[in-house]
């Protein structure tokens, strides 16, 4: 079934791994990344109160990772429709 690349990209950006689950490829990896992202969000929120500087660094790193996940999810969906 043809998957919308933009949906895969948005899902992977906001919920690491959810785009893989949507694409129905690398589903186990997607579930692992999604669970890891939930734990990472908890750590990030705790870090925000303890050390604002480290929180800013972590936020920037997670943003870069999410952009990469979005691009990969988009490409995976686009290539699977060929």
PDB file of N, CA and C in Angstrom:
ATOM      1  N   UNK A   1       0.847  -1.185   0.000  1.00  0.00           N
ATOM      2  CA  UNK A   1       0.000   0.000   0.000  1.00  0.00           C
ATOM      3  C   UNK A   1       0.891   1.246   0.000  1.00  0.00           C
ATOM      4  N   UNK A   2       0.526   2.187  -0.836  1.00  0.00           N
ATOM      5  CA  UNK A   2       1.290   3.416  -0.951  1.00  0.00           C
ATOM      6  C   UNK A   2       1.123   4.271   0.305  1.00  0.00           C
ATOM      7  N   UNK A   3       2.254   4.723   0.857  1.00  0.00           N
ATOM      8  CA  UNK A   3       2.245   5.544   2.067  1.00  0.00           C
ATOM      9  C   UNK A   3       2.594   6.987   1.707  1.00  0.00           C
ATOM     10  N   UNK A   4       1.971   7.922   2.409  1.00  0.00           N
ATOM     11  CA  UNK A   4       2.233   9.345   2.191  1.00  0.00           C
ATOM     12  C   UNK A   4       3.554   9.714   2.872  1.00  0.00           C
ATOM     13  N   UNK A   5       4.563  10.149   2.091  1.00  0.00           N
ATOM     14  CA  UNK A   5       5.867  10.481   2.677  1.00  0.00           C
ATOM     15  C   UNK A   5       5.794  11.594   3.720  1.00  0.00           C
ATOM     16  N   UNK A   6       4.892  12.541   3.538  1.00  0.00           N
ATOM     17  CA  UNK A   6       4.801  13.657   4.494  1.00  0.00           C
ATOM     18  C   UNK A   6       4.251  13.208   5.843  1.00  0.00           C
ATOM     19  N   UNK A   7       3.328  12.267   5.821  1.00  0.00           N
ATOM     20  CA  UNK A   7       2.820  11.736   7.088  1.00  0.00           C
ATOM     21  C   UNK A   7       3.935  10.997   7.814  1.00  0.00           C
ATOM     22  N   UNK A   8       4.694  10.201   7.085  1.00  0.00           N
ATOM     23  CA  UNK A   8       5.823   9.484   7.692  1.00  0.00           C
ATOM     24  C   UNK A   8       6.844  10.459   8.270  1.00  0.00           C
ATOM     25  N   UNK A   9       7.109  11.546   7.556  1.00  0.00           N
ATOM     26  CA  UNK A   9       8.076  12.539   8.034  1.00  0.00           C
ATOM     27  C   UNK A   9       7.595  13.227   9.299  1.00  0.00           C
ATOM     28  N   UNK A  10       6.347  13.647   9.311  1.00  0.00           N
ATOM     29  CA  UNK A  10       5.802  14.338  10.486  1.00  0.00           C
ATOM     30  C   UNK A  10       5.758  13.400  11.690  1.00  0.00           C
ATOM     31  N   UNK A  11       5.339  12.167  11.474  1.00  0.00           N
ATOM     32  CA  UNK A  11       5.306  11.203  12.577  1.00  0.00           C
ATOM     33  C   UNK A  11       6.708  10.972  13.144  1.00  0.00           C
ATOM     34  N   UNK A  12       7.687  10.792  12.259  1.00  0.00           N
ATOM     35  CA  UNK A  12       9.051  10.563  12.731  1.00  0.00           C
ATOM     36  C   UNK A  12       9.645  11.803  13.390  1.00  0.00           C
ATOM     37  N   UNK A  13       9.208  12.979  12.987  1.00  0.00           N
ATOM     38  CA  UNK A  13       9.736  14.196  13.616  1.00  0.00           C
ATOM     39  C   UNK A  13       9.215  14.346  15.039  1.00  0.00           C
ATOM     40  N   UNK A  14       7.929  14.155  15.213  1.00  0.00           N
ATOM     41  CA  UNK A  14       7.345  14.387  16.534  1.00  0.00           C
ATOM     42  C   UNK A  14       7.437  13.176  17.461  1.00  0.00           C
ATOM     43  N   UNK A  15       7.453  11.978  16.895  1.00  0.00           N
ATOM     44  CA  UNK A  15       7.540  10.755  17.694  1.00  0.00           C
ATOM     45  C   UNK A  15       8.556   9.838  17.030  1.00  0.00           C
ATOM     46  N   UNK A  16       9.815   9.932  17.450  1.00  0.00           N
ATOM     47  CA  UNK A  16      10.877   9.133  16.825  1.00  0.00           C
ATOM     48  C   UNK A  16      10.420   7.700  16.636  1.00  0.00           C
ATOM     49  N   UNK A  17      10.465   7.228  15.426  1.00  0.00           N
ATOM     50  CA  UNK A  17      10.113   5.841  15.134  1.00  0.00           C
ATOM     51  C   UNK A  17       8.689   5.626  14.672  1.00  0.00           C
ATOM     52  N   UNK A  18       7.797   6.547  14.948  1.00  0.00           N
ATOM     53  CA  UNK A  18       6.394   6.357  14.561  1.00  0.00           C
ATOM     54  C   UNK A  18       6.220   6.332  13.044  1.00  0.00           C
ATOM     55  N   UNK A  19       7.067   7.035  12.327  1.00  0.00           N
ATOM     56  CA  UNK A  19       7.009   7.002  10.863  1.00  0.00           C
ATOM     57  C   UNK A  19       7.345   5.637  10.309  1.00  0.00           C
ATOM     58  N   UNK A  20       8.255   4.927  10.987  1.00  0.00           N
ATOM     59  CA  UNK A  20       8.592   3.569  10.559  1.00  0.00           C
ATOM     60  C   UNK A  20       7.413   2.628  10.788  1.00  0.00           C
ATOM     61  N   UNK A  21       6.722   2.825  11.898  1.00  0.00           N
ATOM     62  CA  UNK A  21       5.541   2.014  12.187  1.00  0.00           C
ATOM     63  C   UNK A  21       4.469   2.288  11.122  1.00  0.00           C
ATOM     64  N   UNK A  22       4.273   3.558  10.779  1.00  0.00           N
ATOM     65  CA  UNK A  22       3.311   3.947   9.737  1.00  0.00           C
ATOM     66  C   UNK A  22       3.677   3.325   8.394  1.00  0.00           C
ATOM     67  N   UNK A  23       4.976   3.341   8.059  1.00  0.00           N
ATOM     68  CA  UNK A  23       5.431   2.779   6.782  1.00  0.00           C
ATOM     69  C   UNK A  23       5.351   1.259   6.754  1.00  0.00           C
ATOM     70  N   UNK A  24       5.171   0.641   7.912  1.00  0.00           N
ATOM     71  CA  UNK A  24       5.135  -0.810   8.060  1.00  0.00           C
ATOM     72  C   UNK A  24       6.428  -1.464   7.587  1.00  0.00           C
ATOM     73  N   UNK A  25       7.527  -0.745   7.817  1.00  0.00           N
ATOM     74  CA  UNK A  25       8.869  -1.267   7.563  1.00  0.00           C
ATOM     75  C   UNK A  25       9.690  -0.919   8.797  1.00  0.00           C
ATOM     76  N   UNK A  26      10.553  -1.806   9.179  1.00  0.00           N
ATOM     77  CA  UNK A  26      11.366  -1.608  10.377  1.00  0.00           C
ATOM     78  C   UNK A  26      10.473  -1.290  11.583  1.00  0.00           C
ATOM     79  N   UNK A  27       9.377  -2.017  11.689  1.00  0.00           N
ATOM     80  CA  UNK A  27       8.383  -1.756  12.732  1.00  0.00           C
ATOM     81  C   UNK A  27       8.944  -1.961  14.128  1.00  0.00           C
ATOM     82  N   UNK A  28       9.697  -3.032  14.329  1.00  0.00           N
ATOM     83  CA  UNK A  28      10.277  -3.295  15.654  1.00  0.00           C
ATOM     84  C   UNK A  28      11.245  -2.170  16.024  1.00  0.00           C
ATOM     85  N   UNK A  29      12.032  -1.730  15.068  1.00  0.00           N
ATOM     86  CA  UNK A  29      12.937  -0.600  15.302  1.00  0.00           C
ATOM     87  C   UNK A  29      12.138   0.654  15.642  1.00  0.00           C
ATOM     88  N   UNK A  30      11.049   0.876  14.934  1.00  0.00           N
ATOM     89  CA  UNK A  30      10.197   2.034  15.198  1.00  0.00           C
ATOM     90  C   UNK A  30       9.611   2.009  16.595  1.00  0.00           C
ATOM     91  N   UNK A  31       9.179   0.840  17.041  1.00  0.00           N
ATOM     92  CA  UNK A  31       8.635   0.708  18.399  1.00  0.00           C
ATOM     93  C   UNK A  31       9.731   1.004  19.418  1.00  0.00           C
ATOM     94  N   UNK A  32      10.925   0.475  19.186  1.00  0.00           N
ATOM     95  CA  UNK A  32      12.046   0.731  20.093  1.00  0.00           C
ATOM     96  C   UNK A  32      12.401   2.206  20.173  1.00  0.00           C
ATOM     97  N   UNK A  33      12.459   2.861  19.026  1.00  0.00           N
ATOM     98  CA  UNK A  33      12.765   4.299  19.014  1.00  0.00           C
ATOM     99  C   UNK A  33      11.665   5.108  19.701  1.00  0.00           C
ATOM    100  N   UNK A  34      10.418   4.724  19.486  1.00  0.00           N
ATOM    101  CA  UNK A  34       9.313   5.447  20.116  1.00  0.00           C
ATOM    102  C   UNK A  34       9.367   5.319  21.635  1.00  0.00           C
ATOM    103  N   UNK A  35       9.601   4.114  22.126  1.00  0.00           N
ATOM    104  CA  UNK A  35       9.722   3.922  23.573  1.00  0.00           C
ATOM    105  C   UNK A  35      10.930   4.667  24.134  1.00  0.00           C
ATOM    106  N   UNK A  36      12.038   4.629  23.402  1.00  0.00           N
ATOM    107  CA  UNK A  36      13.226   5.380  23.818  1.00  0.00           C
ATOM    108  C   UNK A  36      12.977   6.879  23.843  1.00  0.00           C
ATOM    109  N   UNK A  37      12.208   7.372  22.883  1.00  0.00           N
ATOM    110  CA  UNK A  37      11.896   8.802  22.826  1.00  0.00           C
ATOM    111  C   UNK A  37      11.038   9.230  24.008  1.00  0.00           C
ATOM    112  N   UNK A  38      10.127   8.353  24.426  1.00  0.00           N
ATOM    113  CA  UNK A  38       9.303   8.666  25.597  1.00  0.00           C
ATOM    114  C   UNK A  38      10.190   8.799  26.833  1.00  0.00           C
ATOM    115  N   UNK A  39      11.124   7.864  27.004  1.00  0.00           N
ATOM    116  CA  UNK A  39      12.054   7.935  28.135  1.00  0.00           C
ATOM    117  C   UNK A  39      12.948   9.163  28.029  1.00  0.00           C
ATOM    118  N   UNK A  40      13.401   9.462  26.828  1.00  0.00           N
ATOM    119  CA  UNK A  40      14.253  10.631  26.622  1.00  0.00           C
ATOM    120  C   UNK A  40      13.518  11.925  26.949  1.00  0.00           C
ATOM    121  N   UNK A  41      12.250  11.984  26.619  1.00  0.00           N
ATOM    122  CA  UNK A  41      11.452  13.164  26.945  1.00  0.00           C
ATOM    123  C   UNK A  41      11.364  13.363  28.451  1.00  0.00           C
ATOM    124  N   UNK A  42      11.180  12.280  29.178  1.00  0.00           N
ATOM    125  CA  UNK A  42      11.146  12.361  30.641  1.00  0.00           C
ATOM    126  C   UNK A  42      12.471  12.906  31.179  1.00  0.00           C
ATOM    127  N   UNK A  43      13.578  12.376  30.684  1.00  0.00           N
ATOM    128  CA  UNK A  43      14.902  12.845  31.123  1.00  0.00           C
ATOM    129  C   UNK A  43      15.087  14.314  30.768  1.00  0.00           C
ATOM    130  N   UNK A  44      14.676  14.687  29.567  1.00  0.00           N
ATOM    131  CA  UNK A  44      14.817  16.080  29.129  1.00  0.00           C
ATOM    132  C   UNK A  44      14.042  17.027  30.035  1.00  0.00           C
ATOM    133  N   UNK A  45      12.847  16.656  30.421  1.00  0.00           N
ATOM    134  CA  UNK A  45      12.041  17.513  31.297  1.00  0.00           C
ATOM    135  C   UNK A  45      12.668  17.629  32.690  1.00  0.00           C
ATOM    136  N   UNK A  46      13.247  16.554  33.182  1.00  0.00           N
ATOM    137  CA  UNK A  46      13.921  16.602  34.479  1.00  0.00           C
ATOM    138  C   UNK A  46      15.189  17.450  34.397  1.00  0.00           C
ATOM    139  N   UNK A  47      15.893  17.346  33.287  1.00  0.00           N
ATOM    140  CA  UNK A  47      17.132  18.094  33.096  1.00  0.00           C
ATOM    141  C   UNK A  47      16.870  19.589  32.984  1.00  0.00           C
ATOM    142  N   UNK A  48      15.715  19.958  32.456  1.00  0.00           N
ATOM    143  CA  UNK A  48      15.368  21.372  32.288  1.00  0.00           C
ATOM    144  C   UNK A  48      15.397  22.096  33.628  1.00  0.00           C
ATOM    145  N   UNK A  49      14.898  21.464  34.660  1.00  0.00           N
ATOM    146  CA  UNK A  49      14.862  22.094  35.981  1.00  0.00           C
ATOM    147  C   UNK A  49      16.234  22.095  36.644  1.00  0.00           C
ATOM    148  N   UNK A  50      17.007  21.049  36.411  1.00  0.00           N
ATOM    149  CA  UNK A  50      18.301  20.916  37.081  1.00  0.00           C
ATOM    150  C   UNK A  50      19.409  21.745  36.444  1.00  0.00           C
ATOM    151  N   UNK A  51      19.432  21.778  35.128  1.00  0.00           N
ATOM    152  CA  UNK A  51      20.517  22.472  34.427  1.00  0.00           C
ATOM    153  C   UNK A  51      20.017  23.027  33.095  1.00  0.00           C
ATOM    154  N   UNK A  52      19.622  24.291  33.089  1.00  0.00           N
ATOM    155  CA  UNK A  52      19.102  24.874  31.846  1.00  0.00           C
ATOM    156  C   UNK A  52      20.099  24.815  30.674  1.00  0.00           C
ATOM    157  N   UNK A  53      21.402  24.964  30.938  1.00  0.00           N
ATOM    158  CA  UNK A  53      22.384  24.923  29.854  1.00  0.00           C
ATOM    159  C   UNK A  53      22.428  23.534  29.217  1.00  0.00           C
ATOM    160  N   UNK A  54      22.478  22.494  30.043  1.00  0.00           N
ATOM    161  CA  UNK A  54      22.481  21.139  29.496  1.00  0.00           C
ATOM    162  C   UNK A  54      21.171  20.831  28.773  1.00  0.00           C
ATOM    163  N   UNK A  55      20.085  21.383  29.282  1.00  0.00           N
ATOM    164  CA  UNK A  55      18.796  21.177  28.611  1.00  0.00           C
ATOM    165  C   UNK A  55      18.828  21.773  27.215  1.00  0.00           C
ATOM    166  N   UNK A  56      19.390  22.964  27.065  1.00  0.00           N
ATOM    167  CA  UNK A  56      19.463  23.600  25.744  1.00  0.00           C
ATOM    168  C   UNK A  56      20.294  22.774  24.771  1.00  0.00           C
ATOM    169  N   UNK A  57      21.402  22.223  25.254  1.00  0.00           N
ATOM    170  CA  UNK A  57      22.245  21.376  24.405  1.00  0.00           C
ATOM    171  C   UNK A  57      21.479  20.117  24.001  1.00  0.00           C
ATOM    172  N   UNK A  58      20.813  19.505  24.971  1.00  0.00           N
ATOM    173  CA  UNK A  58      20.055  18.293  24.680  1.00  0.00           C
ATOM    174  C   UNK A  58      18.902  18.593  23.721  1.00  0.00           C
ATOM    175  N   UNK A  59      18.226  19.715  23.903  1.00  0.00           N
ATOM    176  CA  UNK A  59      17.131  20.098  23.015  1.00  0.00           C
ATOM    177  C   UNK A  59      17.636  20.236  21.576  1.00  0.00           C
ATOM    178  N   UNK A  60      18.775  20.901  21.405  1.00  0.00           N
ATOM    179  CA  UNK A  60      19.345  21.074  20.063  1.00  0.00           C
ATOM    180  C   UNK A  60      19.722  19.728  19.445  1.00  0.00           C
ATOM    181  N   UNK A  61      20.296  18.845  20.243  1.00  0.00           N
ATOM    182  CA  UNK A  61      20.682  17.527  19.742  1.00  0.00           C
ATOM    183  C   UNK A  61      19.451  16.724  19.322  1.00  0.00           C
ATOM    184  N   UNK A  62      18.418  16.758  20.131  1.00  0.00           N
ATOM    185  CA  UNK A  62      17.184  16.024  19.804  1.00  0.00           C
ATOM    186  C   UNK A  62      16.524  16.619  18.560  1.00  0.00           C
ATOM    187  N   UNK A  63      16.575  17.921  18.402  1.00  0.00           N
ATOM    188  CA  UNK A  63      16.017  18.562  17.204  1.00  0.00           C
ATOM    189  C   UNK A  63      16.732  18.064  15.949  1.00  0.00           C
ATOM    190  N   UNK A  64      18.054  17.994  15.992  1.00  0.00           N
ATOM    191  CA  UNK A  64      18.824  17.489  14.842  1.00  0.00           C
ATOM    192  C   UNK A  64      18.464  16.040  14.549  1.00  0.00           C
ATOM    193  N   UNK A  65      18.375  15.230  15.604  1.00  0.00           N
ATOM    194  CA  UNK A  65      18.012  13.822  15.432  1.00  0.00           C
ATOM    195  C   UNK A  65      16.613  13.701  14.824  1.00  0.00           C
ATOM    196  N   UNK A  66      15.666  14.501  15.298  1.00  0.00           N
ATOM    197  CA  UNK A  66      14.293  14.441  14.779  1.00  0.00           C
ATOM    198  C   UNK A  66      14.225  14.835  13.315  1.00  0.00           C
ATOM    199  N   UNK A  67      15.021  15.805  12.913  1.00  0.00           N
ATOM    200  CA  UNK A  67      15.066  16.200  11.499  1.00  0.00           C
ATOM    201  C   UNK A  67      15.585  15.038  10.654  1.00  0.00           C
ATOM    202  N   UNK A  68      16.611  14.359  11.149  1.00  0.00           N
ATOM    203  CA  UNK A  68      17.149  13.199  10.429  1.00  0.00           C
ATOM    204  C   UNK A  68      16.116  12.067  10.353  1.00  0.00           C
ATOM    205  N   UNK A  69      15.406  11.812  11.457  1.00  0.00           N
ATOM    206  CA  UNK A  69      14.345  10.805  11.448  1.00  0.00           C
ATOM    207  C   UNK A  69      13.271  11.179  10.435  1.00  0.00           C
ATOM    208  N   UNK A  70      12.886  12.439  10.398  1.00  0.00           N
ATOM    209  CA  UNK A  70      11.847  12.884   9.464  1.00  0.00           C
ATOM    210  C   UNK A  70      12.287  12.659   8.024  1.00  0.00           C
ATOM    211  N   UNK A  71      13.521  13.025   7.713  1.00  0.00           N
ATOM    212  CA  UNK A  71      14.029  12.840   6.350  1.00  0.00           C
ATOM    213  C   UNK A  71      14.069  11.357   5.984  1.00  0.00           C
ATOM    214  N   UNK A  72      14.497  10.512   6.916  1.00  0.00           N
ATOM    215  CA  UNK A  72      14.570   9.080   6.641  1.00  0.00           C
ATOM    216  C   UNK A  72      13.181   8.478   6.462  1.00  0.00           C
ATOM    217  N   UNK A  73      12.235   8.864   7.311  1.00  0.00           N
ATOM    218  CA  UNK A  73      10.867   8.365   7.174  1.00  0.00           C
ATOM    219  C   UNK A  73      10.249   8.786   5.847  1.00  0.00           C
ATOM    220  N   UNK A  74      10.505  10.029   5.450  1.00  0.00           N
ATOM    221  CA  UNK A  74      10.008  10.541   4.172  1.00  0.00           C
ATOM    222  C   UNK A  74      10.582   9.713   3.017  1.00  0.00           C
ATOM    223  N   UNK A  75      11.904   9.544   3.028  1.00  0.00           N
ATOM    224  CA  UNK A  75      12.561   8.795   1.953  1.00  0.00           C
ATOM    225  C   UNK A  75      12.101   7.342   1.911  1.00  0.00           C
ATOM    226  N   UNK A  76      11.914   6.742   3.074  1.00  0.00           N
ATOM    227  CA  UNK A  76      11.465   5.358   3.122  1.00  0.00           C
ATOM    228  C   UNK A  76      10.076   5.213   2.503  1.00  0.00           C
ATOM    229  N   UNK A  77       9.159   6.121   2.850  1.00  0.00           N
ATOM    230  CA  UNK A  77       7.803   6.075   2.292  1.00  0.00           C
ATOM    231  C   UNK A  77       7.818   6.357   0.796  1.00  0.00           C
ATOM    232  N   UNK A  78       8.629   7.307   0.389  1.00  0.00           N
ATOM    233  CA  UNK A  78       8.687   7.681  -1.028  1.00  0.00           C
ATOM    234  C   UNK A  78       9.263   6.538  -1.865  1.00  0.00           C
ATOM    235  N   UNK A  79      10.318   5.887  -1.361  1.00  0.00           N
ATOM    236  CA  UNK A  79      10.949   4.801  -2.097  1.00  0.00           C
ATOM    237  C   UNK A  79      10.098   3.536  -2.099  1.00  0.00           C
ATOM    238  N   UNK A  80       9.265   3.346  -1.094  1.00  0.00           N
ATOM    239  CA  UNK A  80       8.440   2.140  -1.060  1.00  0.00           C
ATOM    240  C   UNK A  80       7.268   2.230  -2.045  1.00  0.00           C
ATOM    241  N   UNK A  81       6.958   3.431  -2.493  1.00  0.00           N
ATOM    242  CA  UNK A  81       5.829   3.587  -3.429  1.00  0.00           C
ATOM    243  C   UNK A  81       6.253   3.429  -4.865  1.00  0.00           C
ATOM    244  N   UNK A  82       7.562   3.220  -5.106  1.00  0.00           N
ATOM    245  CA  UNK A  82       8.052   3.069  -6.482  1.00  0.00           C
ATOM    246  C   UNK A  82       7.897   1.647  -6.960  1.00  0.00           C
TER     247      UNK A  82
END
